[in-house]
Each structure stands twice: as structure tokens, then as C-alpha cells.
Amino acid sequence: MTYIPPGEKIIEKKNCRLSGEEFIITDKDIDLLDKISPSFGGQKYSLPTPTLCPDERQKRRLSFRNERKMYKRKCDLTGKEIISVYSPDKTYPVYDQKVWWGDDWDPTTYGRAFDFERTFFGQFADLLAVTPKISLYSVQCVNSDYTNFTLSSKDCYMCVGTTSSEEVLYSNFVRDVKNTIDSTFCYESELIYYGIDLTRCYNCFYAKNSVNCRDCFGVEECSDCHHCIGCYGLKNKEFHVFNKPVSKEAFNDVWKKALLHG
């Protein structure tokens, strides 16, 4: 069943030209297209409604930013085995990042005159198909070969967008964190597992949107709390389970069970 957002009216039903799945165009979609339609010389050029369903459009957006996979392949300039976000079956050249930034090739050789008889995007696609791509982008990192968009980090693996961090695994967009796994958008934190949008937290597991918390498990929207389990929206609290105060002994018993079965 097609999901219809509350308060929106179906204007059109279409079939995706790739998947064949039916999708809808609502009045809010039309409003957005009208808002972003460009104007040139005082004339507005209306954008057409999509021909792809939302899932296929999402796939296209994600295809330009690989944050999930890395591959072993050869550098197309030196032949050296490298790690890259581009798989070996890609037809365009991929250079090791040190080579890409180096002087052993001349980027200006790929320049070409613009052909006004052809579309811009057609020419841009031709240019993309032949210009070398950088394998990864990492700066001042140690023992962090399987990372991308990474700066000043050490002992990180399968991370993207990591800055000034150490011993981080399977995480993205974290900064100044240590000993962290499976987390995203965490800052100035340590000993985190499955954290989402945390700041200055310590020894927290399955925590989300929280600040200045420590020794917490399964908390959300909490600040300045410690020793809390399964809590939401607390501030300046300690030894709470499911938003209710408990003794230190009772908390420790639940904590051990949470870590064992979490």
C-alpha cells in the first residue's frame, strides 16, 4: 500500500521507469518543484515531475557517495595494489591518493573545449569517464587504511568522516572519540557502542541524542546523567531504570544483565 503523508493530496500516480513500481506525486511535491524551478531572463522554467520512484531516486543520490564498501584494486598509474572506494570493475582510472596529489600526471591534459551543440550533462559524463579518481581521502592518519574522508586519526577501520579519533570501528562522522564502535555523529566521547548524536559521553551503549552522560545503556534525549538504563528525556539524574530511581545495588544488577544480553 502506498504511503500518503498526512495533509497531502495525490495529484498524480506514475510508474517508475526503472522498477515499474507505482508511486505518487502529491501537492507538496508540486509545490517544491515550483519553488526550485529556475528563472532565466524573467521567464520561469518549470521542472517536470519525477520519472523514478523514491527508492530509485535515493539509489542515485547514494551512488555518488560510497560510505559502505572498500575494495582492493590496482592503481591505474603505478600498478600498485591499493584500497579504494571504487571497485576493480570500474572503467574510469583510479589513482592512489598519494599519486593523485603528486606531480607524475598532468590534470590539464584532460581539459577540452565546450561543445555548444551538445548538452552539458552529456559532456560532463564524458569527462567523468576518463579523468582519474582519487582512491581515498585521508590526511595524517596512522594504521587506518580502510577509512575515507578521515583526518588525524589512528587505528581506525571501516570509518568515514572520522576526525582526531583513535580505535574506532564501523563508524562515520565522529570527532575526538576513542574506543568507539558502530556509531555516528559522536563527538568528544569515549567507550561508545551504537551511539547516535552523542557529545561528551563516556561508557555508553545504545545511546541517542544525549550530552554529558556516562555509564548509560539505552538512553535517549538525556543530559548530564549517569548510571541510567532505558531512560528518555532525563536531566541531571543518576541510578535510574526506565525513568524510575533505583538503588545502586539494583542498578548494578540490571546493568550486568543489560551488558550480558544487550
C-alpha atoms as a PDB file:
ATOM      1  CA  MET A   1       0.000   0.000   0.000  1.00  0.00           C
ATOM      2  CA  THR A   2       1.324   3.420  -0.970  1.00  0.00           C
ATOM      3  CA  TYR A   3       2.037   5.688   1.963  1.00  0.00           C
ATOM      4  CA  ILE A   4       0.324   9.072   1.712  1.00  0.00           C
ATOM      5  CA  PRO A   5       1.828  11.713   4.016  1.00  0.00           C
ATOM      6  CA  PRO A   6      -0.747  13.346   6.327  1.00  0.00           C
ATOM      7  CA  GLY A   7      -2.262  16.511   4.937  1.00  0.00           C
ATOM      8  CA  GLU A   8      -1.087  15.856   1.367  1.00  0.00           C
ATOM      9  CA  LYS A   9      -3.236  15.301  -1.683  1.00  0.00           C
ATOM     10  CA  ILE A  10      -2.434  12.904  -4.510  1.00  0.00           C
ATOM     11  CA  ILE A  11      -2.068  14.796  -7.780  1.00  0.00           C
ATOM     12  CA  GLU A  12      -0.736  12.024  -9.989  1.00  0.00           C
ATOM     13  CA  LYS A  13       0.131   8.328  -9.981  1.00  0.00           C
ATOM     14  CA  LYS A  14       3.083   7.158 -12.030  1.00  0.00           C
ATOM     15  CA  ASN A  15       5.077   4.000 -12.690  1.00  0.00           C
ATOM     16  CA  CYS A  16       8.826   4.084 -12.148  1.00  0.00           C
ATOM     17  CA  ARG A  17      10.623   3.760 -15.473  1.00  0.00           C
ATOM     18  CA  LEU A  18      13.251   1.505 -13.879  1.00  0.00           C
ATOM     19  CA  SER A  19      11.491  -0.673 -11.319  1.00  0.00           C
ATOM     20  CA  GLY A  20       7.972  -0.414 -12.702  1.00  0.00           C
ATOM     21  CA  GLU A  21       6.668   0.244  -9.196  1.00  0.00           C
ATOM     22  CA  GLU A  22       3.796   2.670  -8.796  1.00  0.00           C
ATOM     23  CA  PHE A  23       4.477   5.870  -6.877  1.00  0.00           C
ATOM     24  CA  ILE A  24       2.554   9.050  -6.212  1.00  0.00           C
ATOM     25  CA  ILE A  25       3.060  12.755  -6.782  1.00  0.00           C
ATOM     26  CA  THR A  26       1.394  14.934  -4.139  1.00  0.00           C
ATOM     27  CA  ASP A  27       0.525  18.601  -3.992  1.00  0.00           C
ATOM     28  CA  LYS A  28       3.542  19.174  -1.745  1.00  0.00           C
ATOM     29  CA  ASP A  29       5.804  17.641  -4.416  1.00  0.00           C
ATOM     30  CA  ILE A  30       4.352  20.071  -6.966  1.00  0.00           C
ATOM     31  CA  ASP A  31       4.894  22.990  -4.563  1.00  0.00           C
ATOM     32  CA  LEU A  32       8.547  22.007  -4.095  1.00  0.00           C
ATOM     33  CA  LEU A  33       9.156  21.636  -7.841  1.00  0.00           C
ATOM     34  CA  ASP A  34       7.641  25.047  -8.381  1.00  0.00           C
ATOM     35  CA  LYS A  35       9.803  26.553  -5.649  1.00  0.00           C
ATOM     36  CA  ILE A  36      13.080  25.239  -7.078  1.00  0.00           C
ATOM     37  CA  SER A  37      12.251  25.781 -10.758  1.00  0.00           C
ATOM     38  CA  PRO A  38      14.827  28.187 -12.228  1.00  0.00           C
ATOM     39  CA  SER A  39      14.149  31.531 -13.868  1.00  0.00           C
ATOM     40  CA  PHE A  40      16.198  32.975 -16.714  1.00  0.00           C
ATOM     41  CA  GLY A  41      15.579  36.386 -18.204  1.00  0.00           C
ATOM     42  CA  GLY A  42      12.403  36.766 -16.236  1.00  0.00           C
ATOM     43  CA  GLN A  43      10.962  33.514 -17.557  1.00  0.00           C
ATOM     44  CA  LYS A  44      10.367  30.577 -15.226  1.00  0.00           C
ATOM     45  CA  TYR A  45      11.178  27.090 -16.474  1.00  0.00           C
ATOM     46  CA  SER A  46       9.066  24.555 -14.586  1.00  0.00           C
ATOM     47  CA  LEU A  47      10.745  21.324 -13.557  1.00  0.00           C
ATOM     48  CA  PRO A  48       8.939  18.133 -14.593  1.00  0.00           C
ATOM     49  CA  THR A  49       7.650  15.595 -12.105  1.00  0.00           C
ATOM     50  CA  PRO A  50       9.984  12.632 -11.383  1.00  0.00           C
ATOM     51  CA  THR A  51      10.042   9.570 -13.598  1.00  0.00           C
ATOM     52  CA  LEU A  52      11.721   7.447 -10.916  1.00  0.00           C
ATOM     53  CA  CYS A  53      10.164   6.220  -7.683  1.00  0.00           C
ATOM     54  CA  PRO A  54      11.581   7.494  -4.357  1.00  0.00           C
ATOM     55  CA  ASP A  55      13.690   4.341  -3.819  1.00  0.00           C
ATOM     56  CA  GLU A  56      15.377   4.633  -7.207  1.00  0.00           C
ATOM     57  CA  ARG A  57      15.997   8.348  -6.681  1.00  0.00           C
ATOM     58  CA  GLN A  58      17.622   7.543  -3.335  1.00  0.00           C
ATOM     59  CA  LYS A  59      19.851   4.944  -5.006  1.00  0.00           C
ATOM     60  CA  ARG A  60      21.040   7.537  -7.489  1.00  0.00           C
ATOM     61  CA  ARG A  61      21.889  10.022  -4.758  1.00  0.00           C
ATOM     62  CA  LEU A  62      23.798   7.409  -2.780  1.00  0.00           C
ATOM     63  CA  SER A  63      25.687   6.218  -5.873  1.00  0.00           C
ATOM     64  CA  PHE A  64      27.754   9.405  -5.768  1.00  0.00           C
ATOM     65  CA  ARG A  65      28.947   8.815  -2.199  1.00  0.00           C
ATOM     66  CA  ASN A  66      30.098   5.358  -1.223  1.00  0.00           C
ATOM     67  CA  GLU A  67      30.264   5.099   2.570  1.00  0.00           C
ATOM     68  CA  ARG A  68      29.751   1.366   2.950  1.00  0.00           C
ATOM     69  CA  LYS A  69      32.296  -0.552   0.905  1.00  0.00           C
ATOM     70  CA  MET A  70      36.012  -0.502   0.163  1.00  0.00           C
ATOM     71  CA  TYR A  71      37.918  -2.609  -2.330  1.00  0.00           C
ATOM     72  CA  LYS A  72      41.389  -3.845  -3.133  1.00  0.00           C
ATOM     73  CA  ARG A  73      42.383  -2.882  -6.650  1.00  0.00           C
ATOM     74  CA  LYS A  74      45.328  -1.621  -8.689  1.00  0.00           C
ATOM     75  CA  CYS A  75      46.360   2.000  -9.053  1.00  0.00           C
ATOM     76  CA  ASP A  76      45.878   2.705 -12.751  1.00  0.00           C
ATOM     77  CA  LEU A  77      49.036   4.813 -12.927  1.00  0.00           C
ATOM     78  CA  THR A  78      51.555   2.774 -10.939  1.00  0.00           C
ATOM     79  CA  GLY A  79      50.018  -0.712 -10.872  1.00  0.00           C
ATOM     80  CA  LYS A  80      50.444  -0.815  -7.103  1.00  0.00           C
ATOM     81  CA  GLU A  81      47.753  -2.608  -5.084  1.00  0.00           C
ATOM     82  CA  ILE A  82      45.672  -0.071  -3.189  1.00  0.00           C
ATOM     83  CA  ILE A  83      42.474   0.239  -1.169  1.00  0.00           C
ATOM     84  CA  SER A  84      39.745   2.285  -2.770  1.00  0.00           C
ATOM     85  CA  VAL A  85      36.072   3.161  -2.606  1.00  0.00           C
ATOM     86  CA  TYR A  86      35.964   2.274  -6.328  1.00  0.00           C
ATOM     87  CA  SER A  87      35.664  -1.405  -7.217  1.00  0.00           C
ATOM     88  CA  PRO A  88      38.123  -3.006  -9.699  1.00  0.00           C
ATOM     89  CA  ASP A  89      35.494  -3.365 -12.427  1.00  0.00           C
ATOM     90  CA  LYS A  90      35.117   0.392 -12.905  1.00  0.00           C
ATOM     91  CA  THR A  91      36.229   1.562 -16.347  1.00  0.00           C
ATOM     92  CA  TYR A  92      37.489   5.011 -15.331  1.00  0.00           C
ATOM     93  CA  PRO A  93      41.045   5.334 -13.936  1.00  0.00           C
ATOM     94  CA  VAL A  94      41.615   5.353 -10.168  1.00  0.00           C
ATOM     95  CA  TYR A  95      44.863   6.604  -8.646  1.00  0.00           C
ATOM     96  CA  ASP A  96      46.341   6.044  -5.214  1.00  0.00           C
ATOM     97  CA  GLN A  97      45.773   9.204  -3.209  1.00  0.00           C
ATOM     98  CA  LYS A  98      49.497   9.966  -2.935  1.00  0.00           C
ATOM     99  CA  VAL A  99      49.824   9.656  -6.704  1.00  0.00           C
ATOM    100  CA  TRP A 100      46.658  11.654  -7.325  1.00  0.00           C
ATOM    101  CA  TRP A 101      48.062  14.588  -5.350  1.00  0.00           C
ATOM    102  CA  GLY A 102      51.518  14.172  -6.894  1.00  0.00           C
ATOM    103  CA  ASP A 103      53.214  15.595  -9.995  1.00  0.00           C
ATOM    104  CA  ASP A 104      53.522  12.382 -12.015  1.00  0.00           C
ATOM    105  CA  TRP A 105      50.495  13.260 -14.114  1.00  0.00           C
ATOM    106  CA  ASP A 106      49.040  16.448 -15.562  1.00  0.00           C
ATOM    107  CA  PRO A 107      45.325  17.079 -14.910  1.00  0.00           C
ATOM    108  CA  THR A 108      45.216  19.776 -17.592  1.00  0.00           C
ATOM    109  CA  THR A 109      45.624  17.146 -20.314  1.00  0.00           C
ATOM    110  CA  TYR A 110      42.002  16.172 -19.694  1.00  0.00           C
ATOM    111  CA  GLY A 111      40.736  19.675 -20.480  1.00  0.00           C
ATOM    112  CA  ARG A 112      38.525  20.094 -23.528  1.00  0.00           C
ATOM    113  CA  ALA A 113      36.553  22.784 -25.301  1.00  0.00           C
ATOM    114  CA  PHE A 114      32.853  23.063 -24.563  1.00  0.00           C
ATOM    115  CA  ASP A 115      30.633  21.955 -27.431  1.00  0.00           C
ATOM    116  CA  PHE A 116      27.542  24.166 -27.565  1.00  0.00           C
ATOM    117  CA  GLU A 117      25.882  21.679 -29.911  1.00  0.00           C
ATOM    118  CA  ARG A 118      25.731  19.082 -27.124  1.00  0.00           C
ATOM    119  CA  THR A 119      24.123  19.063 -23.685  1.00  0.00           C
ATOM    120  CA  PHE A 120      26.215  19.986 -20.670  1.00  0.00           C
ATOM    121  CA  PHE A 121      25.498  16.755 -18.812  1.00  0.00           C
ATOM    122  CA  GLY A 122      26.465  14.616 -21.782  1.00  0.00           C
ATOM    123  CA  GLN A 123      29.834  16.310 -21.976  1.00  0.00           C
ATOM    124  CA  PHE A 124      30.244  16.192 -18.210  1.00  0.00           C
ATOM    125  CA  ALA A 125      29.601  12.441 -18.263  1.00  0.00           C
ATOM    126  CA  ASP A 126      32.284  12.015 -20.933  1.00  0.00           C
ATOM    127  CA  LEU A 127      34.737  13.989 -18.801  1.00  0.00           C
ATOM    128  CA  LEU A 128      33.945  11.949 -15.682  1.00  0.00           C
ATOM    129  CA  ALA A 129      34.523   8.729 -17.603  1.00  0.00           C
ATOM    130  CA  VAL A 130      38.165   9.499 -18.385  1.00  0.00           C
ATOM    131  CA  THR A 131      39.519  11.670 -15.566  1.00  0.00           C
ATOM    132  CA  PRO A 132      41.349   9.851 -12.741  1.00  0.00           C
ATOM    133  CA  LYS A 133      39.542   9.450  -9.420  1.00  0.00           C
ATOM    134  CA  ILE A 134      41.298   9.604  -6.047  1.00  0.00           C
ATOM    135  CA  SER A 135      41.197   6.205  -4.332  1.00  0.00           C
ATOM    136  CA  LEU A 136      40.548   7.539  -0.819  1.00  0.00           C
ATOM    137  CA  TYR A 137      40.890  10.791   1.045  1.00  0.00           C
ATOM    138  CA  SER A 138      42.722  10.591   4.358  1.00  0.00           C
ATOM    139  CA  VAL A 139      45.203  13.007   5.917  1.00  0.00           C
ATOM    140  CA  GLN A 140      47.689  12.435   8.749  1.00  0.00           C
ATOM    141  CA  CYS A 141      46.293   9.028   9.685  1.00  0.00           C
ATOM    142  CA  VAL A 142      48.086   6.061  11.246  1.00  0.00           C
ATOM    143  CA  ASN A 143      47.100   2.425  10.713  1.00  0.00           C
ATOM    144  CA  SER A 144      43.779   3.487   9.228  1.00  0.00           C
ATOM    145  CA  ASP A 145      43.986   2.215   5.657  1.00  0.00           C
ATOM    146  CA  TYR A 146      40.316   1.241   5.451  1.00  0.00           C
ATOM    147  CA  THR A 147      38.953   4.727   6.068  1.00  0.00           C
ATOM    148  CA  ASN A 148      37.790   7.590   3.887  1.00  0.00           C
ATOM    149  CA  PHE A 149      37.406  11.350   4.483  1.00  0.00           C
ATOM    150  CA  THR A 150      39.488  10.792   7.604  1.00  0.00           C
ATOM    151  CA  LEU A 151      41.758  13.308   9.335  1.00  0.00           C
ATOM    152  CA  SER A 152      44.360  12.894  12.080  1.00  0.00           C
ATOM    153  CA  SER A 153      43.090   9.514  13.275  1.00  0.00           C
ATOM    154  CA  LYS A 154      44.783   6.340  14.467  1.00  0.00           C
ATOM    155  CA  ASP A 155      43.861   2.652  14.485  1.00  0.00           C
ATOM    156  CA  CYS A 156      40.503   3.135  12.755  1.00  0.00           C
ATOM    157  CA  TYR A 157      38.795   0.609  10.485  1.00  0.00           C
ATOM    158  CA  MET A 158      35.850   0.922   8.086  1.00  0.00           C
ATOM    159  CA  CYS A 159      35.149   4.506   9.058  1.00  0.00           C
ATOM    160  CA  VAL A 160      34.074   7.538   7.029  1.00  0.00           C
ATOM    161  CA  GLY A 161      34.355  11.166   8.092  1.00  0.00           C
ATOM    162  CA  THR A 162      36.435  10.460  11.198  1.00  0.00           C
ATOM    163  CA  THR A 163      38.487  13.300  12.703  1.00  0.00           C
ATOM    164  CA  SER A 164      41.063  13.259  15.528  1.00  0.00           C
ATOM    165  CA  SER A 165      39.913   9.864  16.776  1.00  0.00           C
ATOM    166  CA  GLU A 166      41.509   6.618  17.899  1.00  0.00           C
ATOM    167  CA  GLU A 167      40.500   2.966  17.877  1.00  0.00           C
ATOM    168  CA  VAL A 168      37.185   3.473  16.087  1.00  0.00           C
ATOM    169  CA  LEU A 169      35.406   0.735  14.105  1.00  0.00           C
ATOM    170  CA  TYR A 170      32.468   0.803  11.675  1.00  0.00           C
ATOM    171  CA  SER A 171      31.525   4.410  12.386  1.00  0.00           C
ATOM    172  CA  ASN A 172      31.016   7.620  10.452  1.00  0.00           C
ATOM    173  CA  PHE A 173      31.199  11.335  11.126  1.00  0.00           C
ATOM    174  CA  VAL A 174      32.758  11.161  14.567  1.00  0.00           C
ATOM    175  CA  ARG A 175      35.242  13.622  16.017  1.00  0.00           C
ATOM    176  CA  ASP A 176      37.551  13.395  19.027  1.00  0.00           C
ATOM    177  CA  VAL A 177      36.334   9.958  20.075  1.00  0.00           C
ATOM    178  CA  LYS A 178      38.151   6.878  21.330  1.00  0.00           C
ATOM    179  CA  ASN A 179      37.273   3.192  21.608  1.00  0.00           C
ATOM    180  CA  THR A 180      34.030   3.560  19.692  1.00  0.00           C
ATOM    181  CA  ILE A 181      32.134   1.037  17.527  1.00  0.00           C
ATOM    182  CA  ASP A 182      29.065   1.228  15.256  1.00  0.00           C
ATOM    183  CA  SER A 183      28.391   4.900  15.938  1.00  0.00           C
ATOM    184  CA  THR A 184      27.572   8.050  14.021  1.00  0.00           C
ATOM    185  CA  PHE A 185      27.736  11.786  14.748  1.00  0.00           C
ATOM    186  CA  CYS A 186      29.513  11.380  18.076  1.00  0.00           C
ATOM    187  CA  TYR A 187      31.869  13.993  19.474  1.00  0.00           C
ATOM    188  CA  GLU A 188      34.373  14.186  22.346  1.00  0.00           C
ATOM    189  CA  SER A 189      33.294  10.779  23.630  1.00  0.00           C
ATOM    190  CA  GLU A 190      34.903   7.507  24.697  1.00  0.00           C
ATOM    191  CA  LEU A 191      33.881   3.886  25.116  1.00  0.00           C
ATOM    192  CA  ILE A 192      30.766   4.137  22.972  1.00  0.00           C
ATOM    193  CA  TYR A 193      28.850   1.332  21.292  1.00  0.00           C
ATOM    194  CA  TYR A 194      25.974   2.101  18.943  1.00  0.00           C
ATOM    195  CA  GLY A 195      25.868   5.779  19.721  1.00  0.00           C
ATOM    196  CA  ILE A 196      23.939   8.296  17.621  1.00  0.00           C
ATOM    197  CA  ASP A 197      24.436  12.035  18.043  1.00  0.00           C
ATOM    198  CA  LEU A 198      26.318  11.986  21.335  1.00  0.00           C
ATOM    199  CA  THR A 199      28.502  14.714  22.807  1.00  0.00           C
ATOM    200  CA  ARG A 200      30.926  14.322  25.718  1.00  0.00           C
ATOM    201  CA  CYS A 201      29.633  10.889  26.704  1.00  0.00           C
ATOM    202  CA  TYR A 202      31.579   8.056  28.320  1.00  0.00           C
ATOM    203  CA  ASN A 203      30.924   4.325  28.537  1.00  0.00           C
ATOM    204  CA  CYS A 204      27.501   4.476  26.897  1.00  0.00           C
ATOM    205  CA  PHE A 205      25.733   1.765  24.906  1.00  0.00           C
ATOM    206  CA  TYR A 206      22.740   2.140  22.572  1.00  0.00           C
ATOM    207  CA  ALA A 207      22.517   5.838  23.370  1.00  0.00           C
ATOM    208  CA  LYS A 208      20.999   8.549  21.207  1.00  0.00           C
ATOM    209  CA  ASN A 209      20.804  12.353  21.168  1.00  0.00           C
ATOM    210  CA  SER A 210      22.422  12.763  24.574  1.00  0.00           C
ATOM    211  CA  VAL A 211      25.022  15.064  26.148  1.00  0.00           C
ATOM    212  CA  ASN A 212      27.377  14.680  29.110  1.00  0.00           C
ATOM    213  CA  CYS A 213      26.227  11.188  30.027  1.00  0.00           C
ATOM    214  CA  ARG A 214      28.256   8.282  31.357  1.00  0.00           C
ATOM    215  CA  ASP A 215      27.660   4.660  32.252  1.00  0.00           C
ATOM    216  CA  CYS A 216      24.310   4.605  30.463  1.00  0.00           C
ATOM    217  CA  PHE A 217      22.541   1.905  28.435  1.00  0.00           C
ATOM    218  CA  GLY A 218      19.628   2.502  26.056  1.00  0.00           C
ATOM    219  CA  VAL A 219      19.069   6.174  26.784  1.00  0.00           C
ATOM    220  CA  GLU A 220      17.735   8.937  24.541  1.00  0.00           C
ATOM    221  CA  GLU A 221      17.434  12.709  24.879  1.00  0.00           C
ATOM    222  CA  CYS A 222      19.271  12.685  28.200  1.00  0.00           C
ATOM    223  CA  SER A 223      21.774  15.207  29.518  1.00  0.00           C
ATOM    224  CA  ASP A 224      24.155  15.219  32.475  1.00  0.00           C
ATOM    225  CA  CYS A 225      23.019  11.771  33.554  1.00  0.00           C
ATOM    226  CA  HIS A 226      24.973   8.777  34.773  1.00  0.00           C
ATOM    227  CA  HIS A 227      24.092   5.198  35.614  1.00  0.00           C
ATOM    228  CA  CYS A 228      20.799   5.181  33.704  1.00  0.00           C
ATOM    229  CA  ILE A 229      19.195   2.348  31.738  1.00  0.00           C
ATOM    230  CA  GLY A 230      16.251   2.574  29.350  1.00  0.00           C
ATOM    231  CA  CYS A 231      15.586   6.219  30.087  1.00  0.00           C
ATOM    232  CA  TYR A 232      14.247   9.079  27.991  1.00  0.00           C
ATOM    233  CA  GLY A 233      14.435  12.828  28.447  1.00  0.00           C
ATOM    234  CA  LEU A 234      16.181  12.875  31.827  1.00  0.00           C
ATOM    235  CA  LYS A 235      18.417  15.674  33.091  1.00  0.00           C
ATOM    236  CA  ASN A 236      20.850  15.560  35.990  1.00  0.00           C
ATOM    237  CA  LYS A 237      19.742  12.109  37.114  1.00  0.00           C
ATOM    238  CA  GLU A 238      21.612   9.075  38.425  1.00  0.00           C
ATOM    239  CA  PHE A 239      20.726   5.430  39.074  1.00  0.00           C
ATOM    240  CA  HIS A 240      17.505   5.341  37.075  1.00  0.00           C
ATOM    241  CA  VAL A 241      15.947   2.400  35.208  1.00  0.00           C
ATOM    242  CA  PHE A 242      13.079   3.114  32.818  1.00  0.00           C
ATOM    243  CA  ASN A 243      12.913   6.677  34.187  1.00  0.00           C
ATOM    244  CA  LYS A 244      12.441   5.498  37.779  1.00  0.00           C
ATOM    245  CA  PRO A 245      15.030   5.844  40.558  1.00  0.00           C
ATOM    246  CA  VAL A 246      16.597   2.632  41.863  1.00  0.00           C
ATOM    247  CA  SER A 247      19.251   1.751  44.427  1.00  0.00           C
ATOM    248  CA  LYS A 248      22.859   1.411  43.383  1.00  0.00           C
ATOM    249  CA  GLU A 249      22.716  -2.321  44.031  1.00  0.00           C
ATOM    250  CA  ALA A 250      19.570  -2.778  41.932  1.00  0.00           C
ATOM    251  CA  PHE A 251      21.083  -0.741  39.148  1.00  0.00           C
ATOM    252  CA  ASN A 252      24.261  -2.817  39.095  1.00  0.00           C
ATOM    253  CA  ASP A 253      22.198  -5.987  38.802  1.00  0.00           C
ATOM    254  CA  VAL A 254      20.264  -4.635  35.804  1.00  0.00           C
ATOM    255  CA  TRP A 255      23.485  -3.248  34.289  1.00  0.00           C
ATOM    256  CA  LYS A 256      25.163  -6.647  34.331  1.00  0.00           C
ATOM    257  CA  LYS A 257      22.144  -8.236  32.651  1.00  0.00           C
ATOM    258  CA  ALA A 258      21.976  -5.473  30.052  1.00  0.00           C
ATOM    259  CA  LEU A 259      25.621  -5.898  29.108  1.00  0.00           C
ATOM    260  CA  LEU A 260      25.233  -9.678  29.004  1.00  0.00           C
ATOM    261  CA  HIS A 261      22.166  -9.710  26.767  1.00  0.00           C
ATOM    262  CA  GLY A 262      22.467  -6.364  25.015  1.00  0.00           C
END
